[in-house]
Amino acid sequence: RSATIALLGLAGLLWWGNNYKHINEGHNVNPLDGIPGSGFSWHQIVP
């Protein structure tokens, strides 16, 4: 019971699916927060 309540994610979908974003005590944060090296920019890569 206590472990379940302590889980930090809500779940759902866009329509038919799951999306991965973080929630921190009910408040949205940048989805890349906590991922090392999140300063990376896709514009650095030439297609």
All heavy atoms as atom14 arrays in JSON, in Angstrom:
{
  "sequence": "RSATIALLGLAGLLWWGNNYKHINEGHNVNPLDGIPGSGFSWHQIVP",
  "atom14_mask": [
    [1, 1, 1, 1, 1, 1, 1, 1, 1, 1, 1, 0, 0, 0],
    [1, 1, 1, 1, 1, 1, 0, 0, 0, 0, 0, 0, 0, 0],
    [1, 1, 1, 1, 1, 0, 0, 0, 0, 0, 0, 0, 0, 0],
    [1, 1, 1, 1, 1, 1, 1, 0, 0, 0, 0, 0, 0, 0],
    [1, 1, 1, 1, 1, 1, 1, 1, 0, 0, 0, 0, 0, 0],
    [1, 1, 1, 1, 1, 0, 0, 0, 0, 0, 0, 0, 0, 0],
    [1, 1, 1, 1, 1, 1, 1, 1, 0, 0, 0, 0, 0, 0],
    [1, 1, 1, 1, 1, 1, 1, 1, 0, 0, 0, 0, 0, 0],
    [1, 1, 1, 1, 0, 0, 0, 0, 0, 0, 0, 0, 0, 0],
    [1, 1, 1, 1, 1, 1, 1, 1, 0, 0, 0, 0, 0, 0],
    [1, 1, 1, 1, 1, 0, 0, 0, 0, 0, 0, 0, 0, 0],
    [1, 1, 1, 1, 0, 0, 0, 0, 0, 0, 0, 0, 0, 0],
    [1, 1, 1, 1, 1, 1, 1, 1, 0, 0, 0, 0, 0, 0],
    [1, 1, 1, 1, 1, 1, 1, 1, 0, 0, 0, 0, 0, 0],
    [1, 1, 1, 1, 1, 1, 1, 1, 1, 1, 1, 1, 1, 1],
    [1, 1, 1, 1, 1, 1, 1, 1, 1, 1, 1, 1, 1, 1],
    [1, 1, 1, 1, 0, 0, 0, 0, 0, 0, 0, 0, 0, 0],
    [1, 1, 1, 1, 1, 1, 1, 1, 0, 0, 0, 0, 0, 0],
    [1, 1, 1, 1, 1, 1, 1, 1, 0, 0, 0, 0, 0, 0],
    [1, 1, 1, 1, 1, 1, 1, 1, 1, 1, 1, 1, 0, 0],
    [1, 1, 1, 1, 1, 1, 1, 1, 1, 0, 0, 0, 0, 0],
    [1, 1, 1, 1, 1, 1, 1, 1, 1, 1, 0, 0, 0, 0],
    [1, 1, 1, 1, 1, 1, 1, 1, 0, 0, 0, 0, 0, 0],
    [1, 1, 1, 1, 1, 1, 1, 1, 0, 0, 0, 0, 0, 0],
    [1, 1, 1, 1, 1, 1, 1, 1, 1, 0, 0, 0, 0, 0],
    [1, 1, 1, 1, 0, 0, 0, 0, 0, 0, 0, 0, 0, 0],
    [1, 1, 1, 1, 1, 1, 1, 1, 1, 1, 0, 0, 0, 0],
    [1, 1, 1, 1, 1, 1, 1, 1, 0, 0, 0, 0, 0, 0],
    [1, 1, 1, 1, 1, 1, 1, 0, 0, 0, 0, 0, 0, 0],
    [1, 1, 1, 1, 1, 1, 1, 1, 0, 0, 0, 0, 0, 0],
    [1, 1, 1, 1, 1, 1, 1, 0, 0, 0, 0, 0, 0, 0],
    [1, 1, 1, 1, 1, 1, 1, 1, 0, 0, 0, 0, 0, 0],
    [1, 1, 1, 1, 1, 1, 1, 1, 0, 0, 0, 0, 0, 0],
    [1, 1, 1, 1, 0, 0, 0, 0, 0, 0, 0, 0, 0, 0],
    [1, 1, 1, 1, 1, 1, 1, 1, 0, 0, 0, 0, 0, 0],
    [1, 1, 1, 1, 1, 1, 1, 0, 0, 0, 0, 0, 0, 0],
    [1, 1, 1, 1, 0, 0, 0, 0, 0, 0, 0, 0, 0, 0],
    [1, 1, 1, 1, 1, 1, 0, 0, 0, 0, 0, 0, 0, 0],
    [1, 1, 1, 1, 0, 0, 0, 0, 0, 0, 0, 0, 0, 0],
    [1, 1, 1, 1, 1, 1, 1, 1, 1, 1, 1, 0, 0, 0],
    [1, 1, 1, 1, 1, 1, 0, 0, 0, 0, 0, 0, 0, 0],
    [1, 1, 1, 1, 1, 1, 1, 1, 1, 1, 1, 1, 1, 1],
    [1, 1, 1, 1, 1, 1, 1, 1, 1, 1, 0, 0, 0, 0],
    [1, 1, 1, 1, 1, 1, 1, 1, 1, 0, 0, 0, 0, 0],
    [1, 1, 1, 1, 1, 1, 1, 1, 0, 0, 0, 0, 0, 0],
    [1, 1, 1, 1, 1, 1, 1, 0, 0, 0, 0, 0, 0, 0],
    [1, 1, 1, 1, 1, 1, 1, 0, 0, 0, 0, 0, 0, 0]
  ],
  "atom14_positions": [
    [[0.82, -1.21, 0.0], [0.0, 0.0, 0.0], [0.86, 1.26, 0.0], [0.66, 2.16, -0.81], [-0.92, -0.01, 1.22], [-1.76, 1.26, 1.35], [-2.89, 1.05, 2.35], [-2.38, 0.58, 3.63], [-1.99, 1.38, 4.61], [-2.05, 2.69, 4.44], [-1.55, 0.89, 5.75], [0.0, 0.0, 0.0], [0.0, 0.0, 0.0], [0.0, 0.0, 0.0]],
    [[1.83, 1.34, 0.9], [2.64, 2.55, 0.95], [3.51, 2.7, -0.28], [3.72, 3.81, -0.78], [3.53, 2.54, 2.2], [4.39, 1.42, 2.18], [0.0, 0.0, 0.0], [0.0, 0.0, 0.0], [0.0, 0.0, 0.0], [0.0, 0.0, 0.0], [0.0, 0.0, 0.0], [0.0, 0.0, 0.0], [0.0, 0.0, 0.0], [0.0, 0.0, 0.0]],
    [[4.01, 1.56, -0.81], [4.83, 1.64, -2.02], [3.99, 2.11, -3.2], [4.46, 2.88, -4.04], [5.44, 0.27, -2.32], [0.0, 0.0, 0.0], [0.0, 0.0, 0.0], [0.0, 0.0, 0.0], [0.0, 0.0, 0.0], [0.0, 0.0, 0.0], [0.0, 0.0, 0.0], [0.0, 0.0, 0.0], [0.0, 0.0, 0.0], [0.0, 0.0, 0.0]],
    [[2.74, 1.65, -3.27], [1.88, 2.05, -4.36], [1.61, 3.54, -4.33], [1.69, 4.24, -5.33], [0.54, 1.28, -4.29], [0.81, -0.12, -4.33], [-0.36, 1.65, -5.44], [0.0, 0.0, 0.0], [0.0, 0.0, 0.0], [0.0, 0.0, 0.0], [0.0, 0.0, 0.0], [0.0, 0.0, 0.0], [0.0, 0.0, 0.0], [0.0, 0.0, 0.0]],
    [[1.29, 4.06, -3.14], [1.0, 5.48, -3.02], [2.23, 6.31, -3.35], [2.13, 7.44, -3.85], [0.49, 5.79, -1.6], [-0.88, 5.13, -1.39], [0.37, 7.29, -1.36], [-1.42, 5.24, 0.01], [0.0, 0.0, 0.0], [0.0, 0.0, 0.0], [0.0, 0.0, 0.0], [0.0, 0.0, 0.0], [0.0, 0.0, 0.0], [0.0, 0.0, 0.0]],
    [[3.41, 5.74, -3.12], [4.64, 6.49, -3.35], [5.05, 6.56, -4.8], [5.97, 7.28, -5.14], [5.78, 5.88, -2.54], [0.0, 0.0, 0.0], [0.0, 0.0, 0.0], [0.0, 0.0, 0.0], [0.0, 0.0, 0.0], [0.0, 0.0, 0.0], [0.0, 0.0, 0.0], [0.0, 0.0, 0.0], [0.0, 0.0, 0.0], [0.0, 0.0, 0.0]],
    [[4.41, 5.8, -5.69], [4.78, 5.85, -7.09], [4.66, 7.26, -7.62], [3.73, 7.98, -7.29], [3.89, 4.91, -7.91], [4.01, 3.42, -7.59], [3.08, 2.62, -8.49], [5.43, 2.94, -7.75], [0.0, 0.0, 0.0], [0.0, 0.0, 0.0], [0.0, 0.0, 0.0], [0.0, 0.0, 0.0], [0.0, 0.0, 0.0], [0.0, 0.0, 0.0]],
    [[5.58, 7.64, -8.49], [5.64, 9.03, -8.9], [5.03, 9.29, -10.27], [5.22, 10.37, -10.83], [7.12, 9.5, -8.91], [7.8, 9.46, -7.56], [9.24, 9.9, -7.7], [7.06, 10.34, -6.57], [0.0, 0.0, 0.0], [0.0, 0.0, 0.0], [0.0, 0.0, 0.0], [0.0, 0.0, 0.0], [0.0, 0.0, 0.0], [0.0, 0.0, 0.0]],
    [[4.33, 8.35, -10.87], [3.8, 8.59, -12.21], [2.32, 8.43, -12.29], [1.75, 7.59, -11.63], [0.0, 0.0, 0.0], [0.0, 0.0, 0.0], [0.0, 0.0, 0.0], [0.0, 0.0, 0.0], [0.0, 0.0, 0.0], [0.0, 0.0, 0.0], [0.0, 0.0, 0.0], [0.0, 0.0, 0.0], [0.0, 0.0, 0.0], [0.0, 0.0, 0.0]],
    [[1.66, 9.27, -13.09], [0.3, 9.02, -13.52], [0.39, 8.35, -14.88], [1.4, 8.42, -15.54], [-0.5, 10.32, -13.62], [-0.75, 11.06, -12.3], [-1.45, 12.36, -12.59], [-1.57, 10.21, -11.37], [0.0, 0.0, 0.0], [0.0, 0.0, 0.0], [0.0, 0.0, 0.0], [0.0, 0.0, 0.0], [0.0, 0.0, 0.0], [0.0, 0.0, 0.0]],
    [[-0.68, 7.73, -15.33], [-0.6, 7.02, -16.58], [-1.79, 7.33, -17.44], [-2.84, 7.67, -16.96], [-0.52, 5.52, -16.33], [0.0, 0.0, 0.0], [0.0, 0.0, 0.0], [0.0, 0.0, 0.0], [0.0, 0.0, 0.0], [0.0, 0.0, 0.0], [0.0, 0.0, 0.0], [0.0, 0.0, 0.0], [0.0, 0.0, 0.0], [0.0, 0.0, 0.0]],
    [[-1.61, 7.18, -18.74], [-2.71, 7.39, -19.65], [-2.29, 7.22, -21.06], [-1.59, 6.29, -21.39], [0.0, 0.0, 0.0], [0.0, 0.0, 0.0], [0.0, 0.0, 0.0], [0.0, 0.0, 0.0], [0.0, 0.0, 0.0], [0.0, 0.0, 0.0], [0.0, 0.0, 0.0], [0.0, 0.0, 0.0], [0.0, 0.0, 0.0], [0.0, 0.0, 0.0]],
    [[-2.68, 8.14, -21.94], [-2.43, 7.97, -23.34], [-2.53, 9.3, -24.02], [-2.92, 10.29, -23.43], [-3.47, 7.02, -23.96], [-4.82, 7.63, -24.37], [-5.59, 6.58, -25.13], [-5.6, 8.13, -23.2], [0.0, 0.0, 0.0], [0.0, 0.0, 0.0], [0.0, 0.0, 0.0], [0.0, 0.0, 0.0], [0.0, 0.0, 0.0], [0.0, 0.0, 0.0]],
    [[-2.1, 9.34, -25.27], [-2.5, 10.44, -26.12], [-3.92, 10.12, -26.56], [-4.87, 10.67, -26.09], [-1.53, 10.58, -27.28], [-0.08, 10.82, -26.86], [0.8, 10.94, -28.07], [0.03, 12.05, -26.0], [0.0, 0.0, 0.0], [0.0, 0.0, 0.0], [0.0, 0.0, 0.0], [0.0, 0.0, 0.0], [0.0, 0.0, 0.0], [0.0, 0.0, 0.0]],
    [[-4.08, 9.15, -27.43], [-5.41, 8.57, -27.62], [-5.32, 7.08, -27.34], [-5.87, 6.56, -26.42], [-5.95, 8.86, -29.02], [-6.15, 10.31, -29.28], [-5.61, 11.03, -30.3], [-6.93, 11.24, -28.52], [-6.01, 12.34, -30.23], [-6.82, 12.49, -29.15], [-7.71, 11.15, -27.38], [-7.47, 13.63, -28.68], [-8.36, 12.28, -26.91], [-8.24, 13.49, -27.56]],
    [[-4.59, 6.37, -28.23], [-4.35, 4.95, -28.0], [-2.89, 4.79, -27.63], [-2.12, 4.23, -28.39], [-4.63, 4.16, -29.27], [-6.04, 3.73, -29.46], [-6.69, 2.76, -28.77], [-6.96, 4.23, -30.42], [-7.97, 2.63, -29.24], [-8.16, 3.52, -30.27], [-6.9, 5.21, -31.41], [-9.28, 3.75, -31.05], [-8.01, 5.44, -32.19], [-9.18, 4.72, -32.0]],
    [[-2.46, 5.26, -26.5], [-1.06, 5.05, -26.23], [-0.59, 5.61, -24.93], [-1.29, 6.32, -24.24], [0.0, 0.0, 0.0], [0.0, 0.0, 0.0], [0.0, 0.0, 0.0], [0.0, 0.0, 0.0], [0.0, 0.0, 0.0], [0.0, 0.0, 0.0], [0.0, 0.0, 0.0], [0.0, 0.0, 0.0], [0.0, 0.0, 0.0], [0.0, 0.0, 0.0]],
    [[0.66, 5.3, -24.62], [1.3, 5.76, -23.41], [2.32, 6.81, -23.78], [2.99, 6.73, -24.8], [2.01, 4.61, -22.71], [1.04, 3.57, -22.23], [0.16, 3.85, -21.46], [1.18, 2.35, -22.72], [0.0, 0.0, 0.0], [0.0, 0.0, 0.0], [0.0, 0.0, 0.0], [0.0, 0.0, 0.0], [0.0, 0.0, 0.0], [0.0, 0.0, 0.0]],
    [[2.44, 7.8, -22.93], [3.44, 8.82, -23.15], [4.33, 8.88, -21.92], [3.9, 8.61, -20.82], [2.78, 10.17, -23.39], [3.77, 11.21, -23.86], [4.8, 10.87, -24.39], [3.44, 12.47, -23.69], [0.0, 0.0, 0.0], [0.0, 0.0, 0.0], [0.0, 0.0, 0.0], [0.0, 0.0, 0.0], [0.0, 0.0, 0.0], [0.0, 0.0, 0.0]],
    [[5.58, 9.27, -22.14], [6.55, 9.26, -21.06], [6.91, 10.68, -20.68], [7.6, 11.38, -21.39], [7.81, 8.5, -21.5], [7.58, 7.03, -21.6], [6.88, 6.5, -22.67], [8.02, 6.18, -20.61], [6.64, 5.14, -22.75], [7.79, 4.81, -20.69], [7.1, 4.31, -21.76], [6.87, 2.96, -21.84], [0.0, 0.0, 0.0], [0.0, 0.0, 0.0]],
    [[6.36, 11.13, -19.56], [6.75, 12.4, -18.97], [6.8, 12.21, -17.48], [6.21, 11.3, -16.93], [5.76, 13.52, -19.34], [5.81, 13.89, -20.84], [4.96, 15.1, -21.13], [5.06, 15.46, -22.6], [4.26, 16.65, -22.94], [0.0, 0.0, 0.0], [0.0, 0.0, 0.0], [0.0, 0.0, 0.0], [0.0, 0.0, 0.0], [0.0, 0.0, 0.0]],
    [[7.54, 13.08, -16.85], [7.68, 12.97, -15.39], [6.63, 13.82, -14.69], [6.19, 14.83, -15.19], [9.07, 13.46, -14.95], [10.17, 12.59, -15.44], [10.25, 11.26, -15.14], [11.23, 12.86, -16.22], [11.34, 10.75, -15.7], [11.94, 11.7, -16.37], [0.0, 0.0, 0.0], [0.0, 0.0, 0.0], [0.0, 0.0, 0.0], [0.0, 0.0, 0.0]],
    [[6.29, 13.41, -13.51], [5.48, 14.24, -12.63], [6.17, 14.25, -11.27], [6.66, 13.23, -10.81], [4.04, 13.74, -12.53], [3.15, 14.82, -11.89], [3.9, 12.46, -11.77], [1.68, 14.58, -12.08], [0.0, 0.0, 0.0], [0.0, 0.0, 0.0], [0.0, 0.0, 0.0], [0.0, 0.0, 0.0], [0.0, 0.0, 0.0], [0.0, 0.0, 0.0]],
    [[6.27, 15.4, -10.69], [6.97, 15.54, -9.41], [6.0, 16.09, -8.39], [5.72, 17.28, -8.37], [8.17, 16.48, -9.57], [8.95, 16.62, -8.29], [8.76, 15.85, -7.36], [9.81, 17.62, -8.23], [0.0, 0.0, 0.0], [0.0, 0.0, 0.0], [0.0, 0.0, 0.0], [0.0, 0.0, 0.0], [0.0, 0.0, 0.0], [0.0, 0.0, 0.0]],
    [[5.45, 15.18, -7.57], [4.47, 15.56, -6.56], [3.33, 16.37, -7.18], [2.86, 17.36, -6.63], [5.14, 16.36, -5.44], [6.18, 15.53, -4.68], [6.84, 16.32, -3.58], [6.61, 17.53, -3.48], [7.61, 15.73, -2.82], [0.0, 0.0, 0.0], [0.0, 0.0, 0.0], [0.0, 0.0, 0.0], [0.0, 0.0, 0.0], [0.0, 0.0, 0.0]],
    [[2.91, 15.92, -8.36], [1.76, 16.55, -8.99], [2.09, 17.73, -9.89], [1.21, 18.32, -10.48], [0.0, 0.0, 0.0], [0.0, 0.0, 0.0], [0.0, 0.0, 0.0], [0.0, 0.0, 0.0], [0.0, 0.0, 0.0], [0.0, 0.0, 0.0], [0.0, 0.0, 0.0], [0.0, 0.0, 0.0], [0.0, 0.0, 0.0], [0.0, 0.0, 0.0]],
    [[3.38, 18.07, -10.03], [3.72, 19.24, -10.82], [4.61, 18.84, -11.99], [5.58, 18.11, -11.83], [4.43, 20.29, -9.95], [3.56, 20.8, -8.85], [2.65, 21.82, -9.04], [3.41, 20.41, -7.56], [2.0, 22.06, -7.9], [2.45, 21.21, -6.99], [0.0, 0.0, 0.0], [0.0, 0.0, 0.0], [0.0, 0.0, 0.0], [0.0, 0.0, 0.0]],
    [[4.27, 19.35, -13.17], [5.07, 19.04, -14.35], [6.46, 19.64, -14.22], [6.65, 20.73, -13.68], [4.41, 19.61, -15.6], [3.38, 18.67, -16.17], [3.22, 17.57, -15.69], [2.67, 19.12, -17.19], [0.0, 0.0, 0.0], [0.0, 0.0, 0.0], [0.0, 0.0, 0.0], [0.0, 0.0, 0.0], [0.0, 0.0, 0.0], [0.0, 0.0, 0.0]],
    [[7.42, 18.92, -14.76], [8.77, 19.43, -14.87], [9.22, 19.18, -16.29], [8.57, 18.49, -17.06], [9.73, 18.71, -13.89], [9.35, 19.04, -12.47], [9.72, 17.2, -14.11], [0.0, 0.0, 0.0], [0.0, 0.0, 0.0], [0.0, 0.0, 0.0], [0.0, 0.0, 0.0], [0.0, 0.0, 0.0], [0.0, 0.0, 0.0], [0.0, 0.0, 0.0]],
    [[10.34, 19.78, -16.65], [10.9, 19.53, -17.97], [11.12, 18.04, -18.14], [11.76, 17.41, -17.3], [12.24, 20.28, -18.08], [12.84, 20.19, -19.47], [12.76, 19.15, -20.12], [13.43, 21.28, -19.91], [0.0, 0.0, 0.0], [0.0, 0.0, 0.0], [0.0, 0.0, 0.0], [0.0, 0.0, 0.0], [0.0, 0.0, 0.0], [0.0, 0.0, 0.0]],
    [[10.62, 17.42, -19.23], [10.75, 15.97, -19.37], [12.18, 15.49, -19.46], [12.44, 14.31, -19.27], [9.97, 15.67, -20.65], [9.9, 16.97, -21.38], [9.86, 18.02, -20.33], [0.0, 0.0, 0.0], [0.0, 0.0, 0.0], [0.0, 0.0, 0.0], [0.0, 0.0, 0.0], [0.0, 0.0, 0.0], [0.0, 0.0, 0.0], [0.0, 0.0, 0.0]],
    [[13.13, 16.41, -19.73], [14.53, 15.99, -19.79], [15.26, 16.25, -18.48], [16.42, 15.91, -18.35], [15.25, 16.71, -20.94], [14.76, 16.36, -22.34], [15.6, 17.09, -23.38], [14.82, 14.86, -22.58], [0.0, 0.0, 0.0], [0.0, 0.0, 0.0], [0.0, 0.0, 0.0], [0.0, 0.0, 0.0], [0.0, 0.0, 0.0], [0.0, 0.0, 0.0]],
    [[14.59, 16.88, -17.51], [15.22, 17.07, -16.21], [15.6, 15.72, -15.62], [14.83, 14.77, -15.65], [14.27, 17.79, -15.25], [14.18, 19.28, -15.53], [14.95, 19.74, -16.4], [13.36, 19.96, -14.91], [0.0, 0.0, 0.0], [0.0, 0.0, 0.0], [0.0, 0.0, 0.0], [0.0, 0.0, 0.0], [0.0, 0.0, 0.0], [0.0, 0.0, 0.0]],
    [[16.78, 15.65, -15.07], [17.22, 14.41, -14.46], [17.92, 13.48, -15.42], [18.46, 12.46, -15.03], [0.0, 0.0, 0.0], [0.0, 0.0, 0.0], [0.0, 0.0, 0.0], [0.0, 0.0, 0.0], [0.0, 0.0, 0.0], [0.0, 0.0, 0.0], [0.0, 0.0, 0.0], [0.0, 0.0, 0.0], [0.0, 0.0, 0.0], [0.0, 0.0, 0.0]],
    [[17.9, 13.8, -16.73], [18.62, 13.0, -17.71], [19.95, 13.69, -17.96], [19.99, 14.81, -18.47], [17.83, 12.86, -19.03], [16.51, 12.14, -18.77], [18.65, 12.12, -20.08], [15.64, 12.04, -19.99], [0.0, 0.0, 0.0], [0.0, 0.0, 0.0], [0.0, 0.0, 0.0], [0.0, 0.0, 0.0], [0.0, 0.0, 0.0], [0.0, 0.0, 0.0]],
    [[21.06, 13.04, -17.61], [22.36, 13.68, -17.8], [22.57, 14.07, -19.25], [22.18, 13.36, -20.18], [23.36, 12.59, -17.36], [22.57, 11.69, -16.47], [21.18, 11.71, -17.0], [0.0, 0.0, 0.0], [0.0, 0.0, 0.0], [0.0, 0.0, 0.0], [0.0, 0.0, 0.0], [0.0, 0.0, 0.0], [0.0, 0.0, 0.0], [0.0, 0.0, 0.0]],
    [[23.2, 15.23, -19.45], [23.49, 15.65, -20.8], [22.3, 16.2, -21.53], [22.26, 16.22, -22.76], [0.0, 0.0, 0.0], [0.0, 0.0, 0.0], [0.0, 0.0, 0.0], [0.0, 0.0, 0.0], [0.0, 0.0, 0.0], [0.0, 0.0, 0.0], [0.0, 0.0, 0.0], [0.0, 0.0, 0.0], [0.0, 0.0, 0.0], [0.0, 0.0, 0.0]],
    [[21.28, 16.68, -20.8], [20.08, 17.15, -21.46], [20.29, 18.48, -22.18], [19.37, 18.99, -22.81], [18.93, 17.27, -20.46], [19.29, 18.13, -19.39], [0.0, 0.0, 0.0], [0.0, 0.0, 0.0], [0.0, 0.0, 0.0], [0.0, 0.0, 0.0], [0.0, 0.0, 0.0], [0.0, 0.0, 0.0], [0.0, 0.0, 0.0], [0.0, 0.0, 0.0]],
    [[21.47, 19.05, -22.1], [21.78, 20.25, -22.87], [22.02, 19.96, -24.34], [22.2, 20.89, -25.13], [0.0, 0.0, 0.0], [0.0, 0.0, 0.0], [0.0, 0.0, 0.0], [0.0, 0.0, 0.0], [0.0, 0.0, 0.0], [0.0, 0.0, 0.0], [0.0, 0.0, 0.0], [0.0, 0.0, 0.0], [0.0, 0.0, 0.0], [0.0, 0.0, 0.0]],
    [[22.01, 18.7, -24.72], [22.18, 18.32, -26.11], [21.1, 18.95, -26.98], [19.94, 19.05, -26.59], [22.13, 16.79, -26.23], [21.92, 16.29, -27.63], [22.96, 16.26, -28.55], [20.67, 15.87, -28.04], [22.75, 15.8, -29.83], [20.45, 15.41, -29.32], [21.49, 15.37, -30.23], [0.0, 0.0, 0.0], [0.0, 0.0, 0.0], [0.0, 0.0, 0.0]],
    [[21.47, 19.38, -28.18], [20.52, 19.96, -29.13], [20.53, 19.15, -30.42], [21.6, 18.8, -30.95], [20.88, 21.41, -29.44], [20.1, 21.9, -30.52], [0.0, 0.0, 0.0], [0.0, 0.0, 0.0], [0.0, 0.0, 0.0], [0.0, 0.0, 0.0], [0.0, 0.0, 0.0], [0.0, 0.0, 0.0], [0.0, 0.0, 0.0], [0.0, 0.0, 0.0]],
    [[19.34, 18.84, -30.92], [19.24, 18.1, -32.18], [19.81, 18.88, -33.35], [20.21, 18.29, -34.36], [17.78, 17.73, -32.44], [17.3, 16.64, -31.53], [16.64, 16.79, -30.36], [17.48, 15.24, -31.71], [16.39, 15.57, -29.78], [16.89, 14.59, -30.6], [18.07, 14.45, -32.71], [16.87, 13.21, -30.45], [18.05, 13.07, -32.57], [17.48, 12.46, -31.46]],
    [[19.84, 20.2, -33.22], [20.38, 21.01, -34.31], [21.88, 20.79, -34.5], [22.44, 21.2, -35.53], [20.09, 22.49, -34.05], [18.62, 22.81, -33.98], [17.79, 22.68, -35.07], [17.85, 23.24, -32.95], [16.55, 23.02, -34.72], [16.56, 23.36, -33.44], [0.0, 0.0, 0.0], [0.0, 0.0, 0.0], [0.0, 0.0, 0.0], [0.0, 0.0, 0.0]],
    [[22.51, 20.15, -33.54], [23.93, 19.85, -33.68], [24.19, 18.75, -34.7], [25.33, 18.54, -35.13], [24.51, 19.43, -32.32], [24.41, 20.49, -31.23], [24.73, 19.95, -29.85], [25.14, 18.8, -29.69], [24.53, 20.77, -28.83], [0.0, 0.0, 0.0], [0.0, 0.0, 0.0], [0.0, 0.0, 0.0], [0.0, 0.0, 0.0], [0.0, 0.0, 0.0]],
    [[23.15, 18.0, -35.08], [23.29, 16.87, -35.99], [22.75, 17.25, -37.37], [21.61, 17.7, -37.49], [22.55, 15.63, -35.46], [23.1, 15.21, -34.1], [22.63, 14.48, -36.46], [22.36, 14.04, -33.49], [0.0, 0.0, 0.0], [0.0, 0.0, 0.0], [0.0, 0.0, 0.0], [0.0, 0.0, 0.0], [0.0, 0.0, 0.0], [0.0, 0.0, 0.0]],
    [[23.57, 17.06, -38.38], [23.13, 17.29, -39.76], [22.45, 16.02, -40.26], [23.02, 14.93, -40.17], [24.33, 17.64, -40.66], [23.87, 17.8, -42.12], [25.02, 18.9, -40.17], [0.0, 0.0, 0.0], [0.0, 0.0, 0.0], [0.0, 0.0, 0.0], [0.0, 0.0, 0.0], [0.0, 0.0, 0.0], [0.0, 0.0, 0.0], [0.0, 0.0, 0.0]],
    [[21.23, 16.12, -40.77], [20.54, 14.91, -41.29], [21.36, 14.23, -42.38], [22.04, 14.88, -43.17], [19.22, 15.46, -41.84], [19.01, 16.75, -41.11], [20.37, 17.31, -40.88], [0.0, 0.0, 0.0], [0.0, 0.0, 0.0], [0.0, 0.0, 0.0], [0.0, 0.0, 0.0], [0.0, 0.0, 0.0], [0.0, 0.0, 0.0], [0.0, 0.0, 0.0]]
  ]
}
